[in-house]
C-alpha atoms as a PDB file:
ATOM      1  CA  UNK A   1      10.303  -2.897 -15.382  1.00  0.00           C
ATOM      2  CA  UNK A   2      11.501  -6.148 -13.772  1.00  0.00           C
ATOM      3  CA  UNK A   3      11.823  -5.329 -10.065  1.00  0.00           C
ATOM      4  CA  UNK A   4      13.716  -8.473  -9.538  1.00  0.00           C
ATOM      5  CA  UNK A   5      16.493  -7.388 -11.624  1.00  0.00           C
ATOM      6  CA  UNK A   6      19.547  -6.108  -9.924  1.00  0.00           C
ATOM      7  CA  UNK A   7      20.048  -3.418  -9.563  1.00  0.00           C
ATOM      8  CA  UNK A   8      16.900  -1.317  -9.820  1.00  0.00           C
ATOM      9  CA  UNK A   9      17.154   2.318 -10.314  1.00  0.00           C
ATOM     10  CA  UNK A  10      14.368   4.737  -8.852  1.00  0.00           C
ATOM     11  CA  UNK A  11      14.671   8.734  -9.127  1.00  0.00           C
ATOM     12  CA  UNK A  12      16.129   8.610  -5.596  1.00  0.00           C
ATOM     13  CA  UNK A  13      18.229   5.595  -5.274  1.00  0.00           C
ATOM     14  CA  UNK A  14      19.586   2.447  -6.470  1.00  0.00           C
ATOM     15  CA  UNK A  15      18.355  -0.785  -4.858  1.00  0.00           C
ATOM     16  CA  UNK A  16      20.260  -3.981  -4.954  1.00  0.00           C
ATOM     17  CA  UNK A  17      19.471  -7.335  -3.403  1.00  0.00           C
ATOM     18  CA  UNK A  18      22.727  -9.299  -2.722  1.00  0.00           C
ATOM     19  CA  UNK A  19      23.433 -12.864  -2.458  1.00  0.00           C
ATOM     20  CA  UNK A  20      23.024 -12.902   1.335  1.00  0.00           C
ATOM     21  CA  UNK A  21      19.512 -11.145   0.850  1.00  0.00           C
ATOM     22  CA  UNK A  22      20.614  -7.873   2.121  1.00  0.00           C
ATOM     23  CA  UNK A  23      18.934  -5.152   0.487  1.00  0.00           C
ATOM     24  CA  UNK A  24      21.366  -2.375  -0.421  1.00  0.00           C
ATOM     25  CA  UNK A  25      19.856   1.078  -1.009  1.00  0.00           C
ATOM     26  CA  UNK A  26      22.243   3.829  -2.223  1.00  0.00           C
ATOM     27  CA  UNK A  27      20.983   7.297  -2.325  1.00  0.00           C
ATOM     28  CA  UNK A  28      21.564   9.542  -5.310  1.00  0.00           C
ATOM     29  CA  UNK A  29      22.072  13.287  -5.718  1.00  0.00           C
ATOM     30  CA  UNK A  30      18.347  13.649  -6.259  1.00  0.00           C
ATOM     31  CA  UNK A  31      17.583  16.870  -4.298  1.00  0.00           C
ATOM     32  CA  UNK A  32      14.425  16.884  -2.345  1.00  0.00           C
ATOM     33  CA  UNK A  33      12.646  13.412  -1.612  1.00  0.00           C
ATOM     34  CA  UNK A  34       8.729  13.516  -1.399  1.00  0.00           C
ATOM     35  CA  UNK A  35       6.392  10.846  -0.134  1.00  0.00           C
ATOM     36  CA  UNK A  36       6.064   9.309  -3.598  1.00  0.00           C
ATOM     37  CA  UNK A  37       9.637   8.823  -3.981  1.00  0.00           C
ATOM     38  CA  UNK A  38       9.433   6.698  -0.745  1.00  0.00           C
ATOM     39  CA  UNK A  39       6.364   4.910  -1.805  1.00  0.00           C
ATOM     40  CA  UNK A  40       8.211   4.007  -4.939  1.00  0.00           C
ATOM     41  CA  UNK A  41      11.178   2.886  -2.979  1.00  0.00           C
ATOM     42  CA  UNK A  42       9.108   0.774  -0.566  1.00  0.00           C
ATOM     43  CA  UNK A  43       7.397  -0.883  -3.571  1.00  0.00           C
ATOM     44  CA  UNK A  44      10.800  -1.758  -5.185  1.00  0.00           C
ATOM     45  CA  UNK A  45      12.046  -3.210  -1.924  1.00  0.00           C
ATOM     46  CA  UNK A  46       8.900  -5.243  -1.318  1.00  0.00           C
ATOM     47  CA  UNK A  47       9.136  -6.891  -4.804  1.00  0.00           C
ATOM     48  CA  UNK A  48      12.838  -7.499  -4.514  1.00  0.00           C
ATOM     49  CA  UNK A  49      12.265  -9.196  -1.115  1.00  0.00           C
ATOM     50  CA  UNK A  50       8.930 -10.852  -2.045  1.00  0.00           C
ATOM     51  CA  UNK A  51       7.427  -9.147   0.984  1.00  0.00           C
ATOM     52  CA  UNK A  52       9.601 -10.945   3.661  1.00  0.00           C
ATOM     53  CA  UNK A  53      11.434  -9.105   6.273  1.00  0.00           C
ATOM     54  CA  UNK A  54      14.971  -8.151   5.265  1.00  0.00           C
ATOM     55  CA  UNK A  55      18.151  -6.748   6.378  1.00  0.00           C
ATOM     56  CA  UNK A  56      18.750  -3.233   4.812  1.00  0.00           C
ATOM     57  CA  UNK A  57      22.009  -1.437   4.251  1.00  0.00           C
ATOM     58  CA  UNK A  58      21.228   2.131   3.614  1.00  0.00           C
ATOM     59  CA  UNK A  59      24.011   4.238   2.064  1.00  0.00           C
ATOM     60  CA  UNK A  60      22.901   7.822   2.859  1.00  0.00           C
ATOM     61  CA  UNK A  61      25.611   9.907   1.244  1.00  0.00           C
ATOM     62  CA  UNK A  62      24.566  11.979  -1.733  1.00  0.00           C
ATOM     63  CA  UNK A  63      22.899  15.281  -2.017  1.00  0.00           C
ATOM     64  CA  UNK A  64      19.446  14.919  -0.944  1.00  0.00           C
ATOM     65  CA  UNK A  65      16.736  15.800   1.691  1.00  0.00           C
ATOM     66  CA  UNK A  66      13.234  14.746   2.616  1.00  0.00           C
ATOM     67  CA  UNK A  67      10.275  17.174   2.691  1.00  0.00           C
ATOM     68  CA  UNK A  68       7.917  17.262   5.568  1.00  0.00           C
ATOM     69  CA  UNK A  69       5.360  14.857   3.863  1.00  0.00           C
ATOM     70  CA  UNK A  70       8.080  12.359   3.174  1.00  0.00           C
ATOM     71  CA  UNK A  71       9.334  12.483   6.805  1.00  0.00           C
ATOM     72  CA  UNK A  72       5.794  11.903   7.967  1.00  0.00           C
ATOM     73  CA  UNK A  73       5.317   8.905   5.712  1.00  0.00           C
ATOM     74  CA  UNK A  74       8.673   7.441   6.683  1.00  0.00           C
ATOM     75  CA  UNK A  75       7.712   7.674  10.456  1.00  0.00           C
ATOM     76  CA  UNK A  76       4.222   6.133   9.518  1.00  0.00           C
ATOM     77  CA  UNK A  77       6.022   3.137   7.837  1.00  0.00           C
ATOM     78  CA  UNK A  78       8.348   2.315  10.621  1.00  0.00           C
ATOM     79  CA  UNK A  79       5.959  -0.056  12.350  1.00  0.00           C
ATOM     80  CA  UNK A  80       4.635  -2.017   9.489  1.00  0.00           C
ATOM     81  CA  UNK A  81       8.067  -2.072   7.508  1.00  0.00           C
ATOM     82  CA  UNK A  82       9.430  -5.606   6.784  1.00  0.00           C
ATOM     83  CA  UNK A  83      12.852  -4.762   8.325  1.00  0.00           C
ATOM     84  CA  UNK A  84      14.971  -7.167  10.616  1.00  0.00           C
ATOM     85  CA  UNK A  85      17.721  -4.557  11.011  1.00  0.00           C
ATOM     86  CA  UNK A  86      18.850  -1.415   9.277  1.00  0.00           C
ATOM     87  CA  UNK A  87      22.524  -0.159   8.897  1.00  0.00           C
ATOM     88  CA  UNK A  88      22.935   3.355   7.751  1.00  0.00           C
ATOM     89  CA  UNK A  89      26.122   4.505   6.399  1.00  0.00           C
ATOM     90  CA  UNK A  90      27.131   8.110   6.207  1.00  0.00           C
ATOM     91  CA  UNK A  91      30.761   9.605   5.561  1.00  0.00           C
ATOM     92  CA  UNK A  92      30.525  12.073   8.337  1.00  0.00           C
ATOM     93  CA  UNK A  93      31.928  10.637  11.679  1.00  0.00           C
ATOM     94  CA  UNK A  94      30.131  13.568  13.527  1.00  0.00           C
ATOM     95  CA  UNK A  95      26.760  12.448  12.202  1.00  0.00           C
ATOM     96  CA  UNK A  96      27.302   9.041  12.951  1.00  0.00           C
ATOM     97  CA  UNK A  97      28.263   9.695  16.645  1.00  0.00           C
ATOM     98  CA  UNK A  98      25.368  12.072  17.049  1.00  0.00           C
ATOM     99  CA  UNK A  99      22.849   9.649  15.603  1.00  0.00           C
ATOM    100  CA  UNK A 100      24.059   6.628  17.492  1.00  0.00           C
ATOM    101  CA  UNK A 101      23.706   8.466  20.725  1.00  0.00           C
ATOM    102  CA  UNK A 102      20.171   9.852  19.952  1.00  0.00           C
ATOM    103  CA  UNK A 103      18.851   6.368  18.951  1.00  0.00           C
ATOM    104  CA  UNK A 104      19.780   5.081  22.432  1.00  0.00           C
ATOM    105  CA  UNK A 105      16.830   7.129  23.745  1.00  0.00           C
ATOM    106  CA  UNK A 106      14.321   6.169  20.982  1.00  0.00           C
ATOM    107  CA  UNK A 107      12.447   2.998  22.532  1.00  0.00           C
ATOM    108  CA  UNK A 108       9.913   2.999  19.987  1.00  0.00           C
ATOM    109  CA  UNK A 109      11.868   1.483  17.303  1.00  0.00           C
ATOM    110  CA  UNK A 110      10.566  -1.949  16.183  1.00  0.00           C
ATOM    111  CA  UNK A 111      13.910  -3.262  14.743  1.00  0.00           C
ATOM    112  CA  UNK A 112      17.656  -2.454  15.460  1.00  0.00           C
ATOM    113  CA  UNK A 113      19.262   0.550  13.843  1.00  0.00           C
ATOM    114  CA  UNK A 114      22.773   1.481  13.882  1.00  0.00           C
ATOM    115  CA  UNK A 115      24.788   4.230  11.950  1.00  0.00           C
ATOM    116  CA  UNK A 116      28.366   3.714  10.601  1.00  0.00           C
ATOM    117  CA  UNK A 117      30.811   5.530   8.367  1.00  0.00           C
ATOM    118  CA  UNK A 118      32.297   2.367   7.115  1.00  0.00           C
ATOM    119  CA  UNK A 119      30.243   0.103   4.777  1.00  0.00           C
ATOM    120  CA  UNK A 120      32.087  -3.182   5.604  1.00  0.00           C
ATOM    121  CA  UNK A 121      31.557  -2.597   9.377  1.00  0.00           C
ATOM    122  CA  UNK A 122      27.796  -1.815   8.720  1.00  0.00           C
ATOM    123  CA  UNK A 123      27.411  -4.961   6.401  1.00  0.00           C
ATOM    124  CA  UNK A 124      29.183  -7.302   9.250  1.00  0.00           C
ATOM    125  CA  UNK A 125      26.755  -5.815  11.734  1.00  0.00           C
ATOM    126  CA  UNK A 126      23.858  -6.551   9.558  1.00  0.00           C
ATOM    127  CA  UNK A 127      25.129 -10.134   8.894  1.00  0.00           C
ATOM    128  CA  UNK A 128      25.010 -10.669  12.880  1.00  0.00           C
ATOM    129  CA  UNK A 129      21.190 -10.702  12.399  1.00  0.00           C
ATOM    130  CA  UNK A 130      21.258 -13.276   9.624  1.00  0.00           C
ATOM    131  CA  UNK A 131      19.574 -16.447  10.809  1.00  0.00           C
ATOM    132  CA  UNK A 132      20.669 -19.713   9.639  1.00  0.00           C
ATOM    133  CA  UNK A 133      18.197 -21.242   7.173  1.00  0.00           C
END
């Protein structure tokens, strides 16, 4: 499998690297996500970005949930992930408002995170972190 091809399909998501080097992760209706799914996803992203820090657009719609081991794995990866900023898109306005309120109190994040219910707004927010090359 060529991980540099666009898009790359995993069991849980479609991963695409766009022309602005934004990693777009679109969740699938995959049921329960385990730690091995997250390891697979991280490896795909790492190969697509050649291990460089990146902007990530996470489209969280779909029918899925994470088991406890996956949640613990995700928490353990936050500090070492190569993320400049992450925008998370969900169709629920209530979830967006709730999560944005909650992240104000989380001072441990090593990169900016924002929730949106509009993909274009999320992408524009990510582009504000794009450094000129």
